[in-house]
Amino acid sequence: MMSLLHRGTGQASERLEVCCETVHKLVEEVRASYAPDIVDFGKALRYRSC
């Protein structure tokens, strides 16, 4: 039972890392495309979620 629980936790943290990578890519796209205020918001989002 413990090993099953541990495995599930590992998968959850891997998913979180993938999510963070996606957020970082979105922030980079925003930085390239939009106004500086939105970029600042993107930075705040990046540090809060990751």
PDB file of N, CA and C in Angstrom:
ATOM      1  N   MET A   1       0.821  -1.206   0.000  1.00  0.00           N
ATOM      2  CA  MET A   1       0.000   0.000   0.000  1.00  0.00           C
ATOM      3  C   MET A   1       0.863   1.268   0.000  1.00  0.00           C
ATOM      4  N   MET A   2       1.901   1.277   0.822  1.00  0.00           N
ATOM      5  CA  MET A   2       2.766   2.456   0.889  1.00  0.00           C
ATOM      6  C   MET A   2       3.442   2.732  -0.454  1.00  0.00           C
ATOM      7  N   SER A   3       3.896   1.669  -1.130  1.00  0.00           N
ATOM      8  CA  SER A   3       4.585   1.880  -2.404  1.00  0.00           C
ATOM      9  C   SER A   3       3.633   2.478  -3.450  1.00  0.00           C
ATOM     10  N   LEU A   4       2.391   2.038  -3.424  1.00  0.00           N
ATOM     11  CA  LEU A   4       1.395   2.582  -4.341  1.00  0.00           C
ATOM     12  C   LEU A   4       1.176   4.081  -4.080  1.00  0.00           C
ATOM     13  N   LEU A   5       1.054   4.428  -2.805  1.00  0.00           N
ATOM     14  CA  LEU A   5       0.875   5.822  -2.422  1.00  0.00           C
ATOM     15  C   LEU A   5       2.073   6.661  -2.866  1.00  0.00           C
ATOM     16  N   HIS A   6       3.271   6.138  -2.628  1.00  0.00           N
ATOM     17  CA  HIS A   6       4.494   6.852  -3.006  1.00  0.00           C
ATOM     18  C   HIS A   6       4.546   7.062  -4.520  1.00  0.00           C
ATOM     19  N   ARG A   7       4.211   6.045  -5.269  1.00  0.00           N
ATOM     20  CA  ARG A   7       4.234   6.152  -6.729  1.00  0.00           C
ATOM     21  C   ARG A   7       3.273   7.243  -7.195  1.00  0.00           C
ATOM     22  N   GLY A   8       2.075   7.288  -6.595  1.00  0.00           N
ATOM     23  CA  GLY A   8       1.098   8.308  -6.960  1.00  0.00           C
ATOM     24  C   GLY A   8       1.618   9.715  -6.688  1.00  0.00           C
ATOM     25  N   THR A   9       2.309   9.899  -5.564  1.00  0.00           N
ATOM     26  CA  THR A   9       2.870  11.196  -5.222  1.00  0.00           C
ATOM     27  C   THR A   9       3.928  11.607  -6.242  1.00  0.00           C
ATOM     28  N   GLY A  10       4.744  10.665  -6.659  1.00  0.00           N
ATOM     29  CA  GLY A  10       5.773  10.942  -7.658  1.00  0.00           C
ATOM     30  C   GLY A  10       5.168  11.427  -8.966  1.00  0.00           C
ATOM     31  N   GLN A  11       4.109  10.761  -9.388  1.00  0.00           N
ATOM     32  CA  GLN A  11       3.448  11.175 -10.624  1.00  0.00           C
ATOM     33  C   GLN A  11       2.882  12.580 -10.492  1.00  0.00           C
ATOM     34  N   ALA A  12       2.313  12.880  -9.335  1.00  0.00           N
ATOM     35  CA  ALA A  12       1.734  14.209  -9.128  1.00  0.00           C
ATOM     36  C   ALA A  12       2.811  15.289  -9.240  1.00  0.00           C
ATOM     37  N   SER A  13       3.987  15.050  -8.641  1.00  0.00           N
ATOM     38  CA  SER A  13       5.045  16.065  -8.695  1.00  0.00           C
ATOM     39  C   SER A  13       5.593  16.196 -10.117  1.00  0.00           C
ATOM     40  N   GLU A  14       5.655  15.094 -10.864  1.00  0.00           N
ATOM     41  CA  GLU A  14       6.076  15.184 -12.270  1.00  0.00           C
ATOM     42  C   GLU A  14       5.094  16.034 -13.062  1.00  0.00           C
ATOM     43  N   ARG A  15       3.800  15.819 -12.819  1.00  0.00           N
ATOM     44  CA  ARG A  15       2.795  16.626 -13.511  1.00  0.00           C
ATOM     45  C   ARG A  15       2.955  18.098 -13.184  1.00  0.00           C
ATOM     46  N   LEU A  16       3.235  18.389 -11.919  1.00  0.00           N
ATOM     47  CA  LEU A  16       3.417  19.778 -11.504  1.00  0.00           C
ATOM     48  C   LEU A  16       4.599  20.405 -12.240  1.00  0.00           C
ATOM     49  N   GLU A  17       5.697  19.660 -12.385  1.00  0.00           N
ATOM     50  CA  GLU A  17       6.859  20.188 -13.106  1.00  0.00           C
ATOM     51  C   GLU A  17       6.507  20.480 -14.552  1.00  0.00           C
ATOM     52  N   VAL A  18       5.781  19.579 -15.198  1.00  0.00           N
ATOM     53  CA  VAL A  18       5.361  19.803 -16.584  1.00  0.00           C
ATOM     54  C   VAL A  18       4.494  21.053 -16.672  1.00  0.00           C
ATOM     55  N   CYS A  19       3.591  21.203 -15.697  1.00  0.00           N
ATOM     56  CA  CYS A  19       2.733  22.387 -15.655  1.00  0.00           C
ATOM     57  C   CYS A  19       3.588  23.657 -15.551  1.00  0.00           C
ATOM     58  N   CYS A  20       4.594  23.628 -14.694  1.00  0.00           N
ATOM     59  CA  CYS A  20       5.465  24.791 -14.538  1.00  0.00           C
ATOM     60  C   CYS A  20       6.196  25.115 -15.835  1.00  0.00           C
ATOM     61  N   GLU A  21       6.680  24.086 -16.537  1.00  0.00           N
ATOM     62  CA  GLU A  21       7.351  24.324 -17.814  1.00  0.00           C
ATOM     63  C   GLU A  21       6.397  25.006 -18.783  1.00  0.00           C
ATOM     64  N   THR A  22       5.143  24.555 -18.807  1.00  0.00           N
ATOM     65  CA  THR A  22       4.147  25.165 -19.683  1.00  0.00           C
ATOM     66  C   THR A  22       3.940  26.630 -19.331  1.00  0.00           C
ATOM     67  N   VAL A  23       3.846  26.925 -18.027  1.00  0.00           N
ATOM     68  CA  VAL A  23       3.688  28.311 -17.577  1.00  0.00           C
ATOM     69  C   VAL A  23       4.874  29.143 -18.044  1.00  0.00           C
ATOM     70  N   HIS A  24       6.087  28.612 -17.900  1.00  0.00           N
ATOM     71  CA  HIS A  24       7.279  29.361 -18.316  1.00  0.00           C
ATOM     72  C   HIS A  24       7.236  29.647 -19.812  1.00  0.00           C
ATOM     73  N   LYS A  25       6.824  28.681 -20.623  1.00  0.00           N
ATOM     74  CA  LYS A  25       6.731  28.904 -22.063  1.00  0.00           C
ATOM     75  C   LYS A  25       5.711  29.987 -22.375  1.00  0.00           C
ATOM     76  N   LEU A  26       4.561  29.933 -21.698  1.00  0.00           N
ATOM     77  CA  LEU A  26       3.542  30.962 -21.903  1.00  0.00           C
ATOM     78  C   LEU A  26       4.075  32.337 -21.539  1.00  0.00           C
ATOM     79  N   VAL A  27       4.801  32.417 -20.417  1.00  0.00           N
ATOM     80  CA  VAL A  27       5.366  33.700 -19.996  1.00  0.00           C
ATOM     81  C   VAL A  27       6.334  34.222 -21.047  1.00  0.00           C
ATOM     82  N   GLU A  28       7.162  33.348 -21.613  1.00  0.00           N
ATOM     83  CA  GLU A  28       8.094  33.787 -22.649  1.00  0.00           C
ATOM     84  C   GLU A  28       7.349  34.295 -23.876  1.00  0.00           C
ATOM     85  N   GLU A  29       6.271  33.610 -24.269  1.00  0.00           N
ATOM     86  CA  GLU A  29       5.484  34.068 -25.422  1.00  0.00           C
ATOM     87  C   GLU A  29       4.863  35.426 -25.149  1.00  0.00           C
ATOM     88  N   VAL A  30       4.336  35.592 -23.939  1.00  0.00           N
ATOM     89  CA  VAL A  30       3.745  36.881 -23.565  1.00  0.00           C
ATOM     90  C   VAL A  30       4.803  37.973 -23.623  1.00  0.00           C
ATOM     91  N   ARG A  31       5.986  37.684 -23.093  1.00  0.00           N
ATOM     92  CA  ARG A  31       7.069  38.666 -23.089  1.00  0.00           C
ATOM     93  C   ARG A  31       7.414  39.080 -24.521  1.00  0.00           C
ATOM     94  N   ALA A  32       7.397  38.123 -25.437  1.00  0.00           N
ATOM     95  CA  ALA A  32       7.750  38.418 -26.818  1.00  0.00           C
ATOM     96  C   ALA A  32       6.665  39.216 -27.544  1.00  0.00           C
ATOM     97  N   SER A  33       5.402  39.051 -27.122  1.00  0.00           N
ATOM     98  CA  SER A  33       4.293  39.558 -27.931  1.00  0.00           C
ATOM     99  C   SER A  33       3.583  40.789 -27.382  1.00  0.00           C
ATOM    100  N   TYR A  34       3.584  40.979 -26.066  1.00  0.00           N
ATOM    101  CA  TYR A  34       2.689  41.979 -25.477  1.00  0.00           C
ATOM    102  C   TYR A  34       3.415  43.049 -24.690  1.00  0.00           C
ATOM    103  N   ALA A  35       2.611  43.913 -24.090  1.00  0.00           N
ATOM    104  CA  ALA A  35       3.124  45.067 -23.364  1.00  0.00           C
ATOM    105  C   ALA A  35       3.869  44.676 -22.082  1.00  0.00           C
ATOM    106  N   PRO A  36       4.792  45.524 -21.625  1.00  0.00           N
ATOM    107  CA  PRO A  36       5.587  45.227 -20.419  1.00  0.00           C
ATOM    108  C   PRO A  36       4.759  44.979 -19.161  1.00  0.00           C
ATOM    109  N   ASP A  37       3.605  45.612 -19.001  1.00  0.00           N
ATOM    110  CA  ASP A  37       2.795  45.364 -17.788  1.00  0.00           C
ATOM    111  C   ASP A  37       2.382  43.909 -17.720  1.00  0.00           C
ATOM    112  N   ILE A  38       2.000  43.362 -18.875  1.00  0.00           N
ATOM    113  CA  ILE A  38       1.554  41.972 -18.906  1.00  0.00           C
ATOM    114  C   ILE A  38       2.745  41.058 -18.606  1.00  0.00           C
ATOM    115  N   VAL A  39       3.917  41.447 -19.058  1.00  0.00           N
ATOM    116  CA  VAL A  39       5.121  40.667 -18.754  1.00  0.00           C
ATOM    117  C   VAL A  39       5.364  40.639 -17.246  1.00  0.00           C
ATOM    118  N   ASP A  40       5.216  41.784 -16.587  1.00  0.00           N
ATOM    119  CA  ASP A  40       5.384  41.830 -15.131  1.00  0.00           C
ATOM    120  C   ASP A  40       4.385  40.909 -14.447  1.00  0.00           C
ATOM    121  N   PHE A  41       3.142  40.905 -14.926  1.00  0.00           N
ATOM    122  CA  PHE A  41       2.145  39.998 -14.388  1.00  0.00           C
ATOM    123  C   PHE A  41       2.595  38.551 -14.603  1.00  0.00           C
ATOM    124  N   GLY A  42       3.151  38.260 -15.776  1.00  0.00           N
ATOM    125  CA  GLY A  42       3.643  36.916 -16.065  1.00  0.00           C
ATOM    126  C   GLY A  42       4.750  36.487 -15.110  1.00  0.00           C
ATOM    127  N   LYS A  43       5.654  37.413 -14.791  1.00  0.00           N
ATOM    128  CA  LYS A  43       6.714  37.101 -13.828  1.00  0.00           C
ATOM    129  C   LYS A  43       6.133  36.760 -12.468  1.00  0.00           C
ATOM    130  N   ALA A  44       5.154  37.534 -12.024  1.00  0.00           N
ATOM    131  CA  ALA A  44       4.511  37.272 -10.732  1.00  0.00           C
ATOM    132  C   ALA A  44       3.847  35.900 -10.749  1.00  0.00           C
ATOM    133  N   LEU A  45       3.175  35.595 -11.845  1.00  0.00           N
ATOM    134  CA  LEU A  45       2.515  34.299 -11.992  1.00  0.00           C
ATOM    135  C   LEU A  45       3.540  33.175 -11.926  1.00  0.00           C
ATOM    136  N   ARG A  46       4.665  33.344 -12.620  1.00  0.00           N
ATOM    137  CA  ARG A  46       5.700  32.317 -12.642  1.00  0.00           C
ATOM    138  C   ARG A  46       6.197  32.035 -11.220  1.00  0.00           C
ATOM    139  N   TYR A  47       6.520  33.086 -10.468  1.00  0.00           N
ATOM    140  CA  TYR A  47       7.109  32.864  -9.143  1.00  0.00           C
ATOM    141  C   TYR A  47       6.078  32.324  -8.157  1.00  0.00           C
ATOM    142  N   ARG A  48       4.821  32.726  -8.301  1.00  0.00           N
ATOM    143  CA  ARG A  48       3.791  32.226  -7.391  1.00  0.00           C
ATOM    144  C   ARG A  48       3.503  30.758  -7.629  1.00  0.00           C
ATOM    145  N   SER A  49       3.371  30.353  -8.890  1.00  0.00           N
ATOM    146  CA  SER A  49       2.923  28.989  -9.167  1.00  0.00           C
ATOM    147  C   SER A  49       4.064  27.974  -9.079  1.00  0.00           C
ATOM    148  N   CYS A  50       5.308  28.439  -9.186  1.00  0.00           N
ATOM    149  CA  CYS A  50       6.427  27.481  -9.191  1.00  0.00           C
ATOM    150  C   CYS A  50       7.334  27.773  -8.018  1.00  0.00           C
TER     151      CYS A  50
END
